[in-house]
Amino acid sequence: MADVVADIADNPAQVAAQLQRIALTDAGDDEYVPGEVVAAAAESLQFDPTCAVRVFSDLVPNPFVARGIVADLVKGLEARGFDAAKLGAASGVSIDRLRVVLTKERDARSESLFRAAVKAGDIRFRLRLDGNNWQMPDHMLTTRPAKLPHLTGADGGALARSLFFPVFRNELNGEERNVAVHQDGDGAVKWWHRNVAKASHRMALQGWKRGRICPDFIFATGGNAGAWRIVVLETRGDHLQNPDTDYKRGVLDFLTQNYFWDQAVPAGQLQIAMIGETVECALVLMENMPSLLSKLIADRK
């Protein structure tokens, strides 16, 4: 809280307000008469603790705890010499700054709890032997006209390794097409699937933030002695190098490091032999795709 209090300027920016007179007329060509400034608005702002509590109720659901946080903020500002008028003038910037700090604190605590829960086995990222994995769809519905251009391989022929056919060109942007064609033309790829983000059957991964991560592609690539790697690939444009990209990369890297097989099955079910598949998650910027995609596909010996 001390950091929030220290960040509030002594001379917070005032919201400009004024009264104007606007007239309409049916005479002449111009029916609208531009506004005439009458006087500056004499409205006096007040700091409303109840309103402040509502503003970040999504971050601090308990209103009593939230009210205590607001009280600490007001107490700190009053210690700096803010009177009622100055608190009112600074109410907007104070609440905005407090919300930023609370968001960062919530995310940091959520990440810590998420990582600890994964390590403890309360949250699990694994392939299961009891049939309760995410199910790859066996068909995909589309409203696209049948005559739309299809995505083709590097040789101009039909795609050979996509789980679904056809793949329409306009369903992928130019960079995604390059990734799809690269996967389809590599002999080490067994199959690949375009994970449509808006589809009800899409695969999604949940991290410590609310929004789910829907990877763009899923593909299987060859391994040793019959083992395969399932690669979950999230692609990002070069212009999207931002905190959200860093968050998704952190989640995907962490899940990859903590992936393992779950061999427990209910009593009476036939347990299949472990065949060694592993799952690898990656987020790759498009500028790095030509080199890193080949490494993701390559056999890991």
C-alpha atoms as a PDB file:
ATOM      1  CA  MET A   1       0.000   0.000   0.000  1.00  0.00           C
ATOM      2  CA  ALA A   2       2.903   2.343   0.678  1.00  0.00           C
ATOM      3  CA  ASP A   3       3.922   2.122  -2.993  1.00  0.00           C
ATOM      4  CA  VAL A   4       0.419   3.082  -4.132  1.00  0.00           C
ATOM      5  CA  VAL A   5       0.294   6.053  -1.781  1.00  0.00           C
ATOM      6  CA  ALA A   6       3.732   7.226  -2.897  1.00  0.00           C
ATOM      7  CA  ASP A   7       2.761   7.018  -6.586  1.00  0.00           C
ATOM      8  CA  ILE A   8      -0.158   9.464  -6.285  1.00  0.00           C
ATOM      9  CA  ALA A   9       0.908  12.926  -7.439  1.00  0.00           C
ATOM     10  CA  ASP A  10       0.353  15.943  -5.190  1.00  0.00           C
ATOM     11  CA  ASN A  11      -1.328  17.751  -8.092  1.00  0.00           C
ATOM     12  CA  PRO A  12      -3.583  15.152  -9.733  1.00  0.00           C
ATOM     13  CA  ALA A  13      -4.931  16.054 -13.174  1.00  0.00           C
ATOM     14  CA  GLN A  14      -8.339  17.666 -13.007  1.00  0.00           C
ATOM     15  CA  VAL A  15     -11.214  16.537 -15.206  1.00  0.00           C
ATOM     16  CA  ALA A  16     -12.165  19.390 -17.493  1.00  0.00           C
ATOM     17  CA  ALA A  17     -15.880  20.255 -17.302  1.00  0.00           C
ATOM     18  CA  GLN A  18     -17.970  23.166 -18.517  1.00  0.00           C
ATOM     19  CA  LEU A  19     -21.535  24.121 -19.328  1.00  0.00           C
ATOM     20  CA  GLN A  20     -22.468  24.818 -22.950  1.00  0.00           C
ATOM     21  CA  ARG A  21     -25.592  26.153 -24.641  1.00  0.00           C
ATOM     22  CA  ILE A  22     -26.583  24.307 -27.847  1.00  0.00           C
ATOM     23  CA  ALA A  23     -29.391  25.546 -30.088  1.00  0.00           C
ATOM     24  CA  LEU A  24     -31.376  24.150 -33.013  1.00  0.00           C
ATOM     25  CA  THR A  25     -33.059  26.318 -35.615  1.00  0.00           C
ATOM     26  CA  ASP A  26     -35.256  25.741 -38.660  1.00  0.00           C
ATOM     27  CA  ALA A  27     -34.071  28.897 -40.395  1.00  0.00           C
ATOM     28  CA  GLY A  28     -31.278  29.010 -42.953  1.00  0.00           C
ATOM     29  CA  ASP A  29     -29.027  26.231 -44.160  1.00  0.00           C
ATOM     30  CA  ASP A  30     -27.484  25.416 -40.777  1.00  0.00           C
ATOM     31  CA  GLU A  31     -30.004  23.848 -38.427  1.00  0.00           C
ATOM     32  CA  TYR A  32     -27.378  23.270 -35.742  1.00  0.00           C
ATOM     33  CA  VAL A  33     -25.815  26.167 -33.846  1.00  0.00           C
ATOM     34  CA  PRO A  34     -22.427  25.271 -32.250  1.00  0.00           C
ATOM     35  CA  GLY A  35     -22.264  25.255 -28.487  1.00  0.00           C
ATOM     36  CA  GLU A  36     -21.622  28.436 -26.572  1.00  0.00           C
ATOM     37  CA  VAL A  37     -19.623  28.176 -23.364  1.00  0.00           C
ATOM     38  CA  VAL A  38     -21.755  29.495 -20.527  1.00  0.00           C
ATOM     39  CA  ALA A  39     -19.636  28.740 -17.461  1.00  0.00           C
ATOM     40  CA  ALA A  40     -17.254  26.248 -15.992  1.00  0.00           C
ATOM     41  CA  ALA A  41     -18.953  23.434 -14.105  1.00  0.00           C
ATOM     42  CA  ALA A  42     -18.765  23.919 -10.374  1.00  0.00           C
ATOM     43  CA  GLU A  43     -19.071  20.229  -9.530  1.00  0.00           C
ATOM     44  CA  SER A  44     -16.942  19.132  -6.586  1.00  0.00           C
ATOM     45  CA  LEU A  45     -15.545  15.593  -6.613  1.00  0.00           C
ATOM     46  CA  GLN A  46     -15.617  13.456  -3.496  1.00  0.00           C
ATOM     47  CA  PHE A  47     -13.805  10.221  -2.704  1.00  0.00           C
ATOM     48  CA  ASP A  48     -16.442   7.499  -2.339  1.00  0.00           C
ATOM     49  CA  PRO A  49     -15.059   4.425  -0.484  1.00  0.00           C
ATOM     50  CA  THR A  50     -18.125   2.331  -1.363  1.00  0.00           C
ATOM     51  CA  CYS A  51     -17.660   3.012  -5.059  1.00  0.00           C
ATOM     52  CA  ALA A  52     -13.960   2.195  -4.774  1.00  0.00           C
ATOM     53  CA  VAL A  53     -14.769  -1.190  -3.203  1.00  0.00           C
ATOM     54  CA  ARG A  54     -17.104  -2.029  -6.084  1.00  0.00           C
ATOM     55  CA  VAL A  55     -14.491  -1.124  -8.685  1.00  0.00           C
ATOM     56  CA  PHE A  56     -12.162  -3.976  -7.706  1.00  0.00           C
ATOM     57  CA  SER A  57     -14.699  -6.454  -6.297  1.00  0.00           C
ATOM     58  CA  ASP A  58     -13.526  -8.930  -8.957  1.00  0.00           C
ATOM     59  CA  LEU A  59     -10.027  -8.796  -7.449  1.00  0.00           C
ATOM     60  CA  VAL A  60     -11.043  -8.745  -3.773  1.00  0.00           C
ATOM     61  CA  PRO A  61     -14.417 -10.526  -3.501  1.00  0.00           C
ATOM     62  CA  ASN A  62     -14.731  -9.993   0.257  1.00  0.00           C
ATOM     63  CA  PRO A  63     -16.133  -6.452   0.658  1.00  0.00           C
ATOM     64  CA  PHE A  64     -14.913  -6.153   4.253  1.00  0.00           C
ATOM     65  CA  VAL A  65     -11.341  -6.914   3.224  1.00  0.00           C
ATOM     66  CA  ALA A  66     -11.693  -4.529   0.265  1.00  0.00           C
ATOM     67  CA  ARG A  67     -13.019  -1.797   2.540  1.00  0.00           C
ATOM     68  CA  GLY A  68      -9.981  -2.220   4.761  1.00  0.00           C
ATOM     69  CA  ILE A  69      -7.660  -1.829   1.760  1.00  0.00           C
ATOM     70  CA  VAL A  70      -9.443   1.373   0.744  1.00  0.00           C
ATOM     71  CA  ALA A  71      -9.220   2.672   4.304  1.00  0.00           C
ATOM     72  CA  ASP A  72      -5.461   2.076   4.310  1.00  0.00           C
ATOM     73  CA  LEU A  73      -5.178   3.994   1.039  1.00  0.00           C
ATOM     74  CA  VAL A  74      -7.133   6.964   2.385  1.00  0.00           C
ATOM     75  CA  LYS A  75      -5.153   6.904   5.638  1.00  0.00           C
ATOM     76  CA  GLY A  76      -1.875   6.953   3.739  1.00  0.00           C
ATOM     77  CA  LEU A  77      -2.951   9.846   1.516  1.00  0.00           C
ATOM     78  CA  GLU A  78      -4.222  11.829   4.508  1.00  0.00           C
ATOM     79  CA  ALA A  79      -0.836  11.328   6.154  1.00  0.00           C
ATOM     80  CA  ARG A  80       0.671  13.021   3.085  1.00  0.00           C
ATOM     81  CA  GLY A  81      -1.601  16.023   3.612  1.00  0.00           C
ATOM     82  CA  PHE A  82      -4.514  15.183   1.307  1.00  0.00           C
ATOM     83  CA  ASP A  83      -7.706  16.859   2.541  1.00  0.00           C
ATOM     84  CA  ALA A  84     -11.247  15.933   1.405  1.00  0.00           C
ATOM     85  CA  ALA A  85     -11.063  18.100  -1.731  1.00  0.00           C
ATOM     86  CA  LYS A  86      -7.677  16.737  -2.737  1.00  0.00           C
ATOM     87  CA  LEU A  87      -8.813  13.158  -2.101  1.00  0.00           C
ATOM     88  CA  GLY A  88     -11.791  13.779  -4.368  1.00  0.00           C
ATOM     89  CA  ALA A  89      -9.617  15.197  -7.118  1.00  0.00           C
ATOM     90  CA  ALA A  90      -7.269  12.209  -6.887  1.00  0.00           C
ATOM     91  CA  SER A  91      -9.985   9.548  -6.563  1.00  0.00           C
ATOM     92  CA  GLY A  92      -9.789   8.391 -10.188  1.00  0.00           C
ATOM     93  CA  VAL A  93      -6.020   8.007 -10.376  1.00  0.00           C
ATOM     94  CA  SER A  94      -5.882   6.504  -6.861  1.00  0.00           C
ATOM     95  CA  ILE A  95      -8.396   3.765  -7.653  1.00  0.00           C
ATOM     96  CA  ASP A  96      -6.774   3.030 -11.023  1.00  0.00           C
ATOM     97  CA  ARG A  97      -3.344   2.679  -9.443  1.00  0.00           C
ATOM     98  CA  LEU A  98      -4.711   0.512  -6.641  1.00  0.00           C
ATOM     99  CA  ARG A  99      -6.363  -1.771  -9.183  1.00  0.00           C
ATOM    100  CA  VAL A 100      -3.073  -2.212 -11.078  1.00  0.00           C
ATOM    101  CA  VAL A 101      -1.232  -3.182  -7.882  1.00  0.00           C
ATOM    102  CA  LEU A 102      -3.992  -5.560  -6.756  1.00  0.00           C
ATOM    103  CA  THR A 103      -4.040  -7.249 -10.174  1.00  0.00           C
ATOM    104  CA  LYS A 104      -0.299  -7.884 -10.015  1.00  0.00           C
ATOM    105  CA  GLU A 105      -0.582  -9.206  -6.469  1.00  0.00           C
ATOM    106  CA  ARG A 106      -3.460 -11.529  -7.396  1.00  0.00           C
ATOM    107  CA  ASP A 107      -1.568 -12.898 -10.414  1.00  0.00           C
ATOM    108  CA  ALA A 108       1.596 -13.470  -8.360  1.00  0.00           C
ATOM    109  CA  ARG A 109      -0.310 -15.368  -5.664  1.00  0.00           C
ATOM    110  CA  SER A 110      -2.292 -17.346  -8.250  1.00  0.00           C
ATOM    111  CA  GLU A 111       0.917 -18.380 -10.002  1.00  0.00           C
ATOM    112  CA  SER A 112       2.496 -19.481  -6.728  1.00  0.00           C
ATOM    113  CA  LEU A 113      -0.572 -21.551  -5.787  1.00  0.00           C
ATOM    114  CA  PHE A 114      -0.826 -23.051  -9.278  1.00  0.00           C
ATOM    115  CA  ARG A 115       2.803 -24.128  -9.388  1.00  0.00           C
ATOM    116  CA  ALA A 116       2.594 -25.604  -5.875  1.00  0.00           C
ATOM    117  CA  ALA A 117      -0.607 -27.498  -6.749  1.00  0.00           C
ATOM    118  CA  VAL A 118       0.990 -28.978  -9.876  1.00  0.00           C
ATOM    119  CA  LYS A 119       4.062 -30.058  -7.915  1.00  0.00           C
ATOM    120  CA  ALA A 120       1.821 -31.632  -5.259  1.00  0.00           C
ATOM    121  CA  GLY A 121      -0.258 -33.475  -7.874  1.00  0.00           C
ATOM    122  CA  ASP A 122      -3.488 -31.605  -7.092  1.00  0.00           C
ATOM    123  CA  ILE A 123      -3.423 -30.162 -10.618  1.00  0.00           C
ATOM    124  CA  ARG A 124      -2.294 -32.709 -13.193  1.00  0.00           C
ATOM    125  CA  PHE A 125      -1.031 -32.463 -16.748  1.00  0.00           C
ATOM    126  CA  ARG A 126      -0.796 -36.005 -18.064  1.00  0.00           C
ATOM    127  CA  LEU A 127      -2.096 -38.650 -20.420  1.00  0.00           C
ATOM    128  CA  ARG A 128      -4.494 -40.985 -18.652  1.00  0.00           C
ATOM    129  CA  LEU A 129      -5.155 -44.672 -19.087  1.00  0.00           C
ATOM    130  CA  ASP A 130      -8.773 -44.517 -17.915  1.00  0.00           C
ATOM    131  CA  GLY A 131     -10.137 -42.948 -21.095  1.00  0.00           C
ATOM    132  CA  ASN A 132     -10.754 -39.508 -19.585  1.00  0.00           C
ATOM    133  CA  ASN A 133      -8.390 -37.579 -21.837  1.00  0.00           C
ATOM    134  CA  TRP A 134      -9.475 -34.800 -24.150  1.00  0.00           C
ATOM    135  CA  GLN A 135     -11.071 -36.475 -27.149  1.00  0.00           C
ATOM    136  CA  MET A 136      -9.876 -35.505 -30.601  1.00  0.00           C
ATOM    137  CA  PRO A 137     -12.995 -34.833 -32.730  1.00  0.00           C
ATOM    138  CA  ASP A 138     -13.767 -37.345 -35.463  1.00  0.00           C
ATOM    139  CA  HIS A 139     -15.432 -34.733 -37.669  1.00  0.00           C
ATOM    140  CA  MET A 140     -15.580 -30.957 -38.019  1.00  0.00           C
ATOM    141  CA  LEU A 141     -18.534 -28.908 -39.181  1.00  0.00           C
ATOM    142  CA  THR A 142     -18.039 -25.930 -41.477  1.00  0.00           C
ATOM    143  CA  THR A 143     -20.277 -23.375 -43.120  1.00  0.00           C
ATOM    144  CA  ARG A 144     -17.697 -22.600 -45.807  1.00  0.00           C
ATOM    145  CA  PRO A 145     -18.779 -23.095 -49.419  1.00  0.00           C
ATOM    146  CA  ALA A 146     -17.325 -26.291 -50.869  1.00  0.00           C
ATOM    147  CA  LYS A 147     -15.704 -24.435 -53.773  1.00  0.00           C
ATOM    148  CA  LEU A 148     -13.501 -22.206 -51.621  1.00  0.00           C
ATOM    149  CA  PRO A 149      -9.764 -22.680 -52.279  1.00  0.00           C
ATOM    150  CA  HIS A 150      -8.155 -25.440 -50.234  1.00  0.00           C
ATOM    151  CA  LEU A 151      -4.771 -25.217 -48.569  1.00  0.00           C
ATOM    152  CA  THR A 152      -2.251 -27.265 -50.514  1.00  0.00           C
ATOM    153  CA  GLY A 153       1.155 -28.726 -49.718  1.00  0.00           C
ATOM    154  CA  ALA A 154       4.511 -27.305 -50.723  1.00  0.00           C
ATOM    155  CA  ASP A 155       4.348 -29.283 -53.976  1.00  0.00           C
ATOM    156  CA  GLY A 156       0.922 -27.889 -54.842  1.00  0.00           C
ATOM    157  CA  GLY A 157      -0.797 -31.199 -54.125  1.00  0.00           C
ATOM    158  CA  ALA A 158      -3.338 -32.140 -51.481  1.00  0.00           C
ATOM    159  CA  LEU A 159      -2.354 -32.155 -47.824  1.00  0.00           C
ATOM    160  CA  ALA A 160      -1.169 -35.580 -46.712  1.00  0.00           C
ATOM    161  CA  ARG A 161      -1.004 -35.491 -42.894  1.00  0.00           C
ATOM    162  CA  SER A 162      -3.830 -33.229 -41.745  1.00  0.00           C
ATOM    163  CA  LEU A 163      -6.403 -35.129 -39.693  1.00  0.00           C
ATOM    164  CA  PHE A 164      -9.170 -33.289 -41.518  1.00  0.00           C
ATOM    165  CA  PHE A 165      -9.628 -32.449 -45.158  1.00  0.00           C
ATOM    166  CA  PRO A 166     -10.130 -30.005 -46.666  1.00  0.00           C
ATOM    167  CA  VAL A 167      -8.386 -27.169 -44.843  1.00  0.00           C
ATOM    168  CA  PHE A 168      -9.646 -23.903 -46.322  1.00  0.00           C
ATOM    169  CA  ARG A 169      -6.997 -21.297 -47.064  1.00  0.00           C
ATOM    170  CA  ASN A 170      -8.983 -18.382 -45.665  1.00  0.00           C
ATOM    171  CA  GLU A 171      -9.323 -20.076 -42.262  1.00  0.00           C
ATOM    172  CA  LEU A 172      -5.610 -19.466 -41.629  1.00  0.00           C
ATOM    173  CA  ASN A 173      -3.548 -16.327 -41.965  1.00  0.00           C
ATOM    174  CA  GLY A 174      -0.441 -16.323 -44.133  1.00  0.00           C
ATOM    175  CA  GLU A 175       1.954 -17.235 -41.324  1.00  0.00           C
ATOM    176  CA  GLU A 176      -0.276 -20.068 -40.075  1.00  0.00           C
ATOM    177  CA  ARG A 177      -0.434 -21.467 -43.608  1.00  0.00           C
ATOM    178  CA  ASN A 178       3.353 -21.629 -43.665  1.00  0.00           C
ATOM    179  CA  VAL A 179       3.358 -23.548 -40.373  1.00  0.00           C
ATOM    180  CA  ALA A 180       0.693 -25.963 -41.644  1.00  0.00           C
ATOM    181  CA  VAL A 181       2.525 -26.603 -44.923  1.00  0.00           C
ATOM    182  CA  HIS A 182       5.818 -27.126 -43.063  1.00  0.00           C
ATOM    183  CA  GLN A 183       4.228 -29.728 -40.763  1.00  0.00           C
ATOM    184  CA  ASP A 184       2.494 -31.484 -43.626  1.00  0.00           C
ATOM    185  CA  GLY A 185       5.674 -31.775 -45.654  1.00  0.00           C
ATOM    186  CA  ASP A 186       7.922 -33.150 -42.903  1.00  0.00           C
ATOM    187  CA  GLY A 187       8.219 -36.929 -42.955  1.00  0.00           C
ATOM    188  CA  ALA A 188       8.721 -37.092 -39.182  1.00  0.00           C
ATOM    189  CA  VAL A 189       5.198 -35.755 -38.590  1.00  0.00           C
ATOM    190  CA  LYS A 190       2.638 -38.545 -38.197  1.00  0.00           C
ATOM    191  CA  TRP A 191      -0.387 -36.237 -38.181  1.00  0.00           C
ATOM    192  CA  TRP A 192      -1.302 -32.629 -37.428  1.00  0.00           C
ATOM    193  CA  HIS A 193      -4.477 -30.837 -36.453  1.00  0.00           C
ATOM    194  CA  ARG A 194      -5.488 -27.190 -36.643  1.00  0.00           C
ATOM    195  CA  ASN A 195      -7.042 -26.495 -33.231  1.00  0.00           C
ATOM    196  CA  VAL A 196      -9.813 -24.040 -34.110  1.00  0.00           C
ATOM    197  CA  ALA A 197     -10.112 -21.679 -31.129  1.00  0.00           C
ATOM    198  CA  LYS A 198     -13.844 -21.000 -31.525  1.00  0.00           C
ATOM    199  CA  ALA A 199     -14.865 -24.642 -31.930  1.00  0.00           C
ATOM    200  CA  SER A 200     -16.686 -26.316 -29.041  1.00  0.00           C
ATOM    201  CA  HIS A 201     -14.347 -29.343 -29.190  1.00  0.00           C
ATOM    202  CA  ARG A 202     -11.118 -27.327 -29.128  1.00  0.00           C
ATOM    203  CA  MET A 203      -8.261 -28.318 -26.878  1.00  0.00           C
ATOM    204  CA  ALA A 204      -7.484 -25.724 -24.205  1.00  0.00           C
ATOM    205  CA  LEU A 205      -4.979 -25.477 -21.362  1.00  0.00           C
ATOM    206  CA  GLN A 206      -5.687 -23.668 -18.105  1.00  0.00           C
ATOM    207  CA  GLY A 207      -2.972 -21.729 -16.340  1.00  0.00           C
ATOM    208  CA  TRP A 208      -3.121 -19.500 -13.276  1.00  0.00           C
ATOM    209  CA  LYS A 209      -5.030 -16.740 -15.066  1.00  0.00           C
ATOM    210  CA  ARG A 210      -8.711 -16.919 -15.933  1.00  0.00           C
ATOM    211  CA  GLY A 211      -8.467 -17.129 -19.726  1.00  0.00           C
ATOM    212  CA  ARG A 212      -7.627 -20.498 -21.263  1.00  0.00           C
ATOM    213  CA  ILE A 213      -4.804 -21.031 -23.738  1.00  0.00           C
ATOM    214  CA  CYS A 214      -6.030 -22.519 -27.021  1.00  0.00           C
ATOM    215  CA  PRO A 215      -2.966 -23.733 -28.960  1.00  0.00           C
ATOM    216  CA  ASP A 216      -3.034 -23.230 -32.712  1.00  0.00           C
ATOM    217  CA  PHE A 217      -1.708 -26.654 -33.737  1.00  0.00           C
ATOM    218  CA  ILE A 218      -1.338 -30.148 -32.332  1.00  0.00           C
ATOM    219  CA  PHE A 219       0.901 -32.656 -34.091  1.00  0.00           C
ATOM    220  CA  ALA A 220       2.514 -36.027 -33.466  1.00  0.00           C
ATOM    221  CA  THR A 221       6.118 -36.543 -34.396  1.00  0.00           C
ATOM    222  CA  GLY A 222       8.185 -39.729 -34.443  1.00  0.00           C
ATOM    223  CA  GLY A 223      10.293 -41.053 -31.609  1.00  0.00           C
ATOM    224  CA  ASN A 224      12.408 -44.044 -30.695  1.00  0.00           C
ATOM    225  CA  ALA A 225      11.143 -47.646 -30.510  1.00  0.00           C
ATOM    226  CA  GLY A 226       7.590 -46.770 -31.453  1.00  0.00           C
ATOM    227  CA  ALA A 227       7.290 -43.847 -29.026  1.00  0.00           C
ATOM    228  CA  TRP A 228       5.755 -40.588 -30.212  1.00  0.00           C
ATOM    229  CA  ARG A 229       5.759 -37.023 -29.000  1.00  0.00           C
ATOM    230  CA  ILE A 230       2.566 -35.003 -29.041  1.00  0.00           C
ATOM    231  CA  VAL A 231       3.476 -31.342 -29.568  1.00  0.00           C
ATOM    232  CA  VAL A 232       1.062 -28.575 -28.631  1.00  0.00           C
ATOM    233  CA  LEU A 233       2.069 -25.448 -30.542  1.00  0.00           C
ATOM    234  CA  GLU A 234       0.936 -21.879 -29.898  1.00  0.00           C
ATOM    235  CA  THR A 235       2.062 -19.451 -32.592  1.00  0.00           C
ATOM    236  CA  ARG A 236       2.335 -15.705 -32.044  1.00  0.00           C
ATOM    237  CA  GLY A 237       2.945 -12.858 -34.442  1.00  0.00           C
ATOM    238  CA  ASP A 238       6.158 -10.917 -33.942  1.00  0.00           C
ATOM    239  CA  HIS A 239       4.174  -7.822 -32.933  1.00  0.00           C
ATOM    240  CA  LEU A 240       2.578  -9.765 -30.050  1.00  0.00           C
ATOM    241  CA  GLN A 241       5.697  -9.967 -27.875  1.00  0.00           C
ATOM    242  CA  ASN A 242       4.041  -8.653 -24.723  1.00  0.00           C
ATOM    243  CA  PRO A 243       3.211  -9.710 -21.133  1.00  0.00           C
ATOM    244  CA  ASP A 244       0.437 -12.011 -22.381  1.00  0.00           C
ATOM    245  CA  THR A 245       2.940 -13.822 -24.599  1.00  0.00           C
ATOM    246  CA  ASP A 246       5.354 -14.136 -21.666  1.00  0.00           C
ATOM    247  CA  TYR A 247       2.547 -15.562 -19.509  1.00  0.00           C
ATOM    248  CA  LYS A 248       1.535 -18.166 -22.098  1.00  0.00           C
ATOM    249  CA  ARG A 249       5.146 -19.197 -22.688  1.00  0.00           C
ATOM    250  CA  GLY A 250       5.636 -19.593 -18.934  1.00  0.00           C
ATOM    251  CA  VAL A 251       2.528 -21.786 -18.596  1.00  0.00           C
ATOM    252  CA  LEU A 252       3.440 -23.990 -21.566  1.00  0.00           C
ATOM    253  CA  ASP A 253       7.045 -24.448 -20.445  1.00  0.00           C
ATOM    254  CA  PHE A 254       5.974 -25.283 -16.902  1.00  0.00           C
ATOM    255  CA  LEU A 255       3.364 -27.827 -18.021  1.00  0.00           C
ATOM    256  CA  THR A 256       5.897 -29.496 -20.321  1.00  0.00           C
ATOM    257  CA  GLN A 257       8.363 -29.858 -17.457  1.00  0.00           C
ATOM    258  CA  ASN A 258       5.677 -31.418 -15.252  1.00  0.00           C
ATOM    259  CA  TYR A 259       4.052 -33.794 -17.737  1.00  0.00           C
ATOM    260  CA  PHE A 260       3.967 -37.519 -16.974  1.00  0.00           C
ATOM    261  CA  TRP A 261       1.857 -40.600 -17.559  1.00  0.00           C
ATOM    262  CA  ASP A 262      -1.005 -41.457 -15.233  1.00  0.00           C
ATOM    263  CA  GLN A 263      -1.108 -45.239 -14.968  1.00  0.00           C
ATOM    264  CA  ALA A 264      -3.922 -45.473 -12.436  1.00  0.00           C
ATOM    265  CA  VAL A 265      -7.109 -47.042 -13.830  1.00  0.00           C
ATOM    266  CA  PRO A 266     -10.348 -48.094 -12.127  1.00  0.00           C
ATOM    267  CA  ALA A 267     -10.477 -51.698 -10.948  1.00  0.00           C
ATOM    268  CA  GLY A 268     -11.607 -54.128 -13.605  1.00  0.00           C
ATOM    269  CA  GLN A 269     -10.462 -52.047 -16.580  1.00  0.00           C
ATOM    270  CA  LEU A 270      -7.865 -53.417 -18.945  1.00  0.00           C
ATOM    271  CA  GLN A 271      -4.669 -51.401 -18.675  1.00  0.00           C
ATOM    272  CA  ILE A 272      -2.882 -50.802 -21.943  1.00  0.00           C
ATOM    273  CA  ALA A 273       0.862 -51.118 -22.129  1.00  0.00           C
ATOM    274  CA  MET A 274       2.732 -47.860 -21.777  1.00  0.00           C
ATOM    275  CA  ILE A 275       4.090 -46.931 -25.165  1.00  0.00           C
ATOM    276  CA  GLY A 276       6.071 -43.893 -24.126  1.00  0.00           C
ATOM    277  CA  GLU A 277       4.274 -40.894 -25.603  1.00  0.00           C
ATOM    278  CA  THR A 278       5.269 -37.573 -24.154  1.00  0.00           C
ATOM    279  CA  VAL A 279       3.610 -34.191 -24.523  1.00  0.00           C
ATOM    280  CA  GLU A 280       5.538 -31.032 -25.249  1.00  0.00           C
ATOM    281  CA  CYS A 281       4.079 -27.529 -25.263  1.00  0.00           C
ATOM    282  CA  ALA A 282       5.709 -24.586 -26.978  1.00  0.00           C
ATOM    283  CA  LEU A 283       5.028 -20.978 -27.842  1.00  0.00           C
ATOM    284  CA  VAL A 284       6.997 -19.761 -30.842  1.00  0.00           C
ATOM    285  CA  LEU A 285       7.105 -16.276 -32.333  1.00  0.00           C
ATOM    286  CA  MET A 286       6.630 -16.268 -36.077  1.00  0.00           C
ATOM    287  CA  GLU A 287      10.071 -14.774 -36.689  1.00  0.00           C
ATOM    288  CA  ASN A 288      11.614 -17.834 -35.005  1.00  0.00           C
ATOM    289  CA  MET A 289       9.308 -20.366 -36.631  1.00  0.00           C
ATOM    290  CA  PRO A 290      11.561 -21.474 -39.552  1.00  0.00           C
ATOM    291  CA  SER A 291      14.274 -22.728 -37.193  1.00  0.00           C
ATOM    292  CA  LEU A 292      12.357 -23.676 -34.040  1.00  0.00           C
ATOM    293  CA  LEU A 293       9.557 -25.602 -35.738  1.00  0.00           C
ATOM    294  CA  SER A 294      12.107 -27.951 -37.292  1.00  0.00           C
ATOM    295  CA  LYS A 295      13.635 -28.505 -33.847  1.00  0.00           C
ATOM    296  CA  LEU A 296      10.225 -29.288 -32.351  1.00  0.00           C
ATOM    297  CA  ILE A 297       9.570 -31.844 -35.065  1.00  0.00           C
ATOM    298  CA  ALA A 298      13.035 -33.417 -34.947  1.00  0.00           C
ATOM    299  CA  ASP A 299      13.520 -36.662 -33.043  1.00  0.00           C
ATOM    300  CA  ARG A 300      14.727 -36.124 -29.438  1.00  0.00           C
ATOM    301  CA  LYS A 301      17.313 -38.833 -28.847  1.00  0.00           C
END
